[in-house]
Structure formats: C-alpha cells, structure tokens
N, C-alpha and C. Protein backbone atom coordinates (compact mmCIF):
# COMPACT_ATOMS: atom_id res chain seq x y z
N MET A 1 89.59 90.61 126.38
CA MET A 1 89.91 92.22 126.78
C MET A 1 90.21 92.72 125.39
N GLY A 2 89.65 94.72 126.05
CA GLY A 2 89.26 95.40 125.14
C GLY A 2 90.11 95.95 124.30
N ARG A 3 90.36 95.42 122.95
CA ARG A 3 91.81 96.13 122.14
C ARG A 3 90.47 97.02 121.55
N LYS A 4 91.09 98.00 120.96
CA LYS A 4 90.87 98.67 119.71
C LYS A 4 91.05 98.10 118.29
N HIS A 5 90.25 98.30 117.52
CA HIS A 5 89.82 97.62 116.55
C HIS A 5 90.65 98.54 115.60
N TYR A 6 91.92 98.16 114.51
CA TYR A 6 92.78 99.71 114.24
C TYR A 6 92.12 99.53 112.55
N LYS A 7 90.69 98.85 112.35
CA LYS A 7 89.73 99.07 110.99
C LYS A 7 91.14 98.68 110.16
N ASN A 8 91.65 96.98 110.13
CA ASN A 8 92.43 96.68 109.56
C ASN A 8 93.70 97.51 108.80
N ARG A 9 94.07 98.30 109.94
CA ARG A 9 95.47 99.00 109.24
C ARG A 9 96.35 98.73 110.87
N ASN A 10 97.65 97.92 109.37
CA ASN A 10 98.82 97.54 110.57
C ASN A 10 99.48 98.49 111.45
N ILE A 11 99.39 98.10 112.33
CA ILE A 11 100.25 99.50 113.54
C ILE A 11 101.34 100.01 112.74
N TYR A 12 102.64 99.40 112.18
CA TYR A 12 103.48 100.23 111.26
C TYR A 12 103.00 100.67 110.75
N ASP A 13 101.94 100.56 109.44
CA ASP A 13 101.52 101.29 108.73
C ASP A 13 101.01 102.83 109.83
N VAL A 14 100.32 102.88 110.56
CA VAL A 14 100.02 103.79 111.45
C VAL A 14 100.93 104.75 111.79
N VAL A 15 101.58 104.46 112.17
CA VAL A 15 103.16 105.12 112.81
C VAL A 15 104.06 105.58 111.33
N ALA A 16 104.08 105.04 110.52
CA ALA A 16 104.87 105.44 109.09
C ALA A 16 103.90 106.20 108.57
N GLY A 17 103.09 106.41 108.27
CA GLY A 17 102.15 107.40 108.20
C GLY A 17 102.08 108.55 109.08
N ASN A 18 101.76 108.68 110.31
CA ASN A 18 101.92 109.73 111.00
C ASN A 18 103.45 110.41 110.77
N ILE A 19 104.57 109.61 110.89
CA ILE A 19 106.01 109.75 110.18
C ILE A 19 105.69 110.09 109.33
N LYS A 20 105.76 110.42 108.52
CA LYS A 20 105.41 111.60 107.07
C LYS A 20 104.24 112.54 107.06
N LYS A 21 103.68 112.33 107.87
CA LYS A 21 102.34 113.45 107.89
C LYS A 21 102.88 114.48 109.19
N TYR A 22 103.84 114.06 109.76
CA TYR A 22 104.53 115.26 111.31
C TYR A 22 105.57 115.85 109.96
N ARG A 23 106.43 115.18 109.81
CA ARG A 23 107.37 115.69 109.11
C ARG A 23 107.16 116.56 107.85
N GLU A 24 106.56 116.33 107.10
CA GLU A 24 105.73 116.97 106.44
C GLU A 24 104.86 118.51 106.96
N ALA A 25 104.53 118.02 107.88
CA ALA A 25 103.85 119.59 108.95
C ALA A 25 104.90 120.47 109.51
N THR A 26 105.99 119.53 109.38
CA THR A 26 106.96 120.29 110.01
C THR A 26 107.78 121.18 108.82
N GLY A 27 107.56 120.59 107.77
CA GLY A 27 108.50 121.29 106.83
C GLY A 27 109.48 121.01 105.98
N ILE A 28 109.95 119.41 106.80
CA ILE A 28 111.30 119.08 106.35
C ILE A 28 111.51 118.00 105.62
N THR A 29 112.44 117.91 104.61
CA THR A 29 112.15 116.42 104.09
C THR A 29 112.95 115.24 104.46
N GLN A 30 112.92 114.33 103.76
CA GLN A 30 113.19 113.04 104.60
C GLN A 30 114.92 112.88 104.66
N GLN A 31 115.37 114.24 104.23
CA GLN A 31 117.28 114.13 104.41
C GLN A 31 116.83 114.89 105.37
N ASP A 32 116.82 115.48 105.73
CA ASP A 32 116.53 116.83 106.73
C ASP A 32 116.34 115.98 108.27
N LEU A 33 114.95 114.82 107.91
CA LEU A 33 115.05 113.59 108.71
C LEU A 33 115.94 112.75 109.06
N ALA A 34 116.42 112.59 108.11
CA ALA A 34 117.61 111.74 108.00
C ALA A 34 118.91 112.29 109.26
N ASP A 35 119.14 114.01 109.05
CA ASP A 35 120.19 114.51 109.18
C ASP A 35 120.11 114.20 110.53
N ARG A 36 118.63 114.77 111.21
CA ARG A 36 118.25 115.19 112.77
C ARG A 36 118.66 113.62 113.56
N THR A 37 118.36 112.49 112.68
CA THR A 37 118.14 111.37 113.51
C THR A 37 119.70 110.62 113.57
N GLY A 38 120.32 110.71 112.72
CA GLY A 38 121.69 110.12 112.11
C GLY A 38 121.55 109.09 111.21
N TYR A 39 119.98 108.54 110.99
CA TYR A 39 119.57 107.30 109.63
C TYR A 39 119.91 107.99 108.53
N THR A 40 119.54 107.23 107.67
CA THR A 40 120.16 107.57 105.90
C THR A 40 119.09 107.94 105.67
N HIS A 41 118.98 108.42 104.39
CA HIS A 41 117.77 108.94 103.49
C HIS A 41 117.06 107.77 103.31
N GLU A 42 118.33 106.70 103.24
CA GLU A 42 117.23 105.56 102.53
C GLU A 42 116.18 104.77 103.64
N TYR A 43 116.73 104.77 104.60
CA TYR A 43 116.23 104.61 105.78
C TYR A 43 114.61 105.13 105.88
N ILE A 44 114.86 106.54 105.95
CA ILE A 44 113.48 106.94 106.60
C ILE A 44 112.77 106.83 105.25
N ARG A 45 113.40 106.78 103.65
CA ARG A 45 112.06 106.90 102.58
C ARG A 45 111.29 105.27 103.01
N ARG A 46 112.05 104.20 103.50
CA ARG A 46 111.77 102.89 103.12
C ARG A 46 110.77 102.60 104.22
N ILE A 47 111.23 103.96 105.71
CA ILE A 47 110.10 103.78 106.79
C ILE A 47 108.56 103.84 105.96
N GLU A 48 108.80 105.19 105.78
CA GLU A 48 107.56 106.04 104.85
C GLU A 48 106.83 105.24 103.73
N SER A 49 107.57 103.91 103.23
CA SER A 49 106.96 103.83 102.10
C SER A 49 105.78 103.04 102.02
N PRO A 50 104.88 102.72 101.33
CA PRO A 50 104.09 102.41 101.73
C PRO A 50 104.02 100.42 101.10
N ASN A 51 104.83 100.09 100.26
CA ASN A 51 105.48 99.48 99.99
C ASN A 51 106.72 98.44 100.69
N ARG A 52 106.82 99.07 102.14
CA ARG A 52 107.58 98.89 103.17
C ARG A 52 107.93 97.26 103.57
N ARG A 53 109.01 96.78 103.24
CA ARG A 53 108.45 95.68 104.26
C ARG A 53 109.68 95.17 105.52
N GLY A 54 109.04 94.71 106.14
CA GLY A 54 109.34 94.68 107.33
C GLY A 54 108.73 95.90 108.33
N GLY A 55 109.45 95.84 109.55
CA GLY A 55 109.25 97.07 110.16
C GLY A 55 110.03 97.83 110.65
N PHE A 56 110.17 98.73 112.25
CA PHE A 56 111.12 99.26 112.53
C PHE A 56 110.92 99.61 114.03
N THR A 57 112.14 99.60 114.60
CA THR A 57 112.09 99.63 116.49
C THR A 57 111.09 100.72 116.87
N ILE A 58 111.18 100.07 118.13
CA ILE A 58 110.72 101.49 118.82
C ILE A 58 111.44 102.39 119.20
N GLU A 59 112.79 102.11 119.34
CA GLU A 59 113.29 102.79 119.34
C GLU A 59 113.73 103.97 117.90
N SER A 60 113.22 103.51 117.24
CA SER A 60 113.65 104.67 115.96
C SER A 60 112.55 105.36 115.88
N VAL A 61 111.54 105.24 116.44
CA VAL A 61 110.17 105.87 116.50
C VAL A 61 110.64 106.78 117.52
N HIS A 62 110.80 106.09 118.44
CA HIS A 62 111.69 107.22 119.28
C HIS A 62 111.77 108.02 118.84
N ILE A 63 113.23 107.98 118.55
CA ILE A 63 114.38 109.00 117.70
C ILE A 63 113.92 109.51 116.71
N ILE A 64 113.12 109.44 116.14
CA ILE A 64 112.01 110.47 115.06
C ILE A 64 111.29 111.30 115.65
N SER A 65 110.22 110.81 117.04
CA SER A 65 109.54 111.40 117.29
C SER A 65 110.79 113.22 118.40
N LYS A 66 111.37 112.57 118.98
CA LYS A 66 112.57 113.48 119.57
C LYS A 66 112.95 114.76 118.09
N ALA A 67 113.13 113.84 116.94
CA ALA A 67 114.04 114.90 115.72
C ALA A 67 112.71 115.92 115.41
N LEU A 68 111.84 115.17 115.36
CA LEU A 68 110.08 115.89 115.00
C LEU A 68 109.57 116.71 115.80
N ASP A 69 110.06 117.32 117.23
CA ASP A 69 109.42 117.21 118.44
C ASP A 69 108.44 117.51 118.34
N ILE A 70 107.82 116.05 118.54
CA ILE A 70 106.80 115.80 119.06
C ILE A 70 106.64 114.29 119.93
N PRO A 71 105.75 114.40 121.02
CA PRO A 71 105.71 113.55 121.81
C PRO A 71 104.93 112.35 120.91
N ILE A 72 106.49 110.90 121.16
CA ILE A 72 105.78 109.65 120.39
C ILE A 72 104.99 109.60 120.79
N THR A 73 103.34 110.31 121.30
CA THR A 73 102.85 108.88 121.35
C THR A 73 101.87 109.69 120.05
N LEU A 74 102.12 110.59 119.56
CA LEU A 74 101.32 111.16 118.40
C LEU A 74 101.81 110.31 117.35
N LEU A 75 102.45 109.72 117.09
CA LEU A 75 102.90 108.94 116.33
C LEU A 75 102.44 107.44 116.17
N PHE A 76 101.60 106.97 117.29
CA PHE A 76 100.68 106.17 117.33
C PHE A 76 99.00 106.22 117.27
N ASP A 77 99.09 107.49 117.40
CA ASP A 77 97.58 107.33 116.68
C ASP A 77 97.08 107.14 115.54
N THR A 78 96.03 106.55 115.83
CA THR A 78 95.03 106.10 115.11
C THR A 78 94.20 107.12 114.84
N LYS A 79 93.91 107.58 115.00
CA LYS A 79 92.90 108.34 114.53
C LYS A 79 92.95 109.54 112.96
N LYS A 80 92.04 109.07 112.31
CA LYS A 80 92.67 110.16 110.71
C LYS A 80 91.71 111.41 111.11
N GLU A 81 91.79 112.60 110.73
CA GLU A 81 91.28 113.44 110.38
C GLU A 81 89.82 113.49 110.29
N SER A 82 89.39 112.38 108.91
CA SER A 82 88.29 112.15 108.45
C SER A 82 87.70 111.11 110.25
N ASP A 83 88.04 110.81 110.64
CA ASP A 83 87.11 110.39 111.78
C ASP A 83 86.13 111.10 112.85
N ASP A 84 86.87 112.33 112.56
CA ASP A 84 86.44 113.55 113.61
C ASP A 84 85.16 113.42 113.56
C-alpha cells in the first residue's frame, strides 16, 4: 500500500520538531508551554530534545496543539520549508 516515505525521519522526530517550531513561532518558552498544558518544563524539554528516549502520547500531542492554538495536523506535517 502507498505509505509515505518519511526520508528516514521517525514520526516522533517529526512531531517533536514541529512542536518546537510552532512554539518558537508563537514566541513562547518551554516553561510557558508547560504552564499552558499542565505538563512540567522537564517533560516539554524532553519532548523537544533530539536525544529523546522513548515517545509521547497522541493525547499529549493533542493537548500541546491546543495550547499552541494550532490544528494537531500541523504537528504531523512531514514537509520541511526546504521541501518547497
């Protein structure tokens, strides 16, 4: 079946990168995002860390998307700006 090739990018890496991208675009800190979600600063930092071990839940992605005031689908977008 036609699965999209992610160019060797793990979906967790995609989502984590997009969380950081949209958080920074919104101009909020990791602590601000933690406060908005009810998560700890450490949890947000770990999600965004390139050396992250393990994953995070779809529920946490949903909560983060609401805190960033963006559609959750943007956090799963595999297209990079350089892909235009």
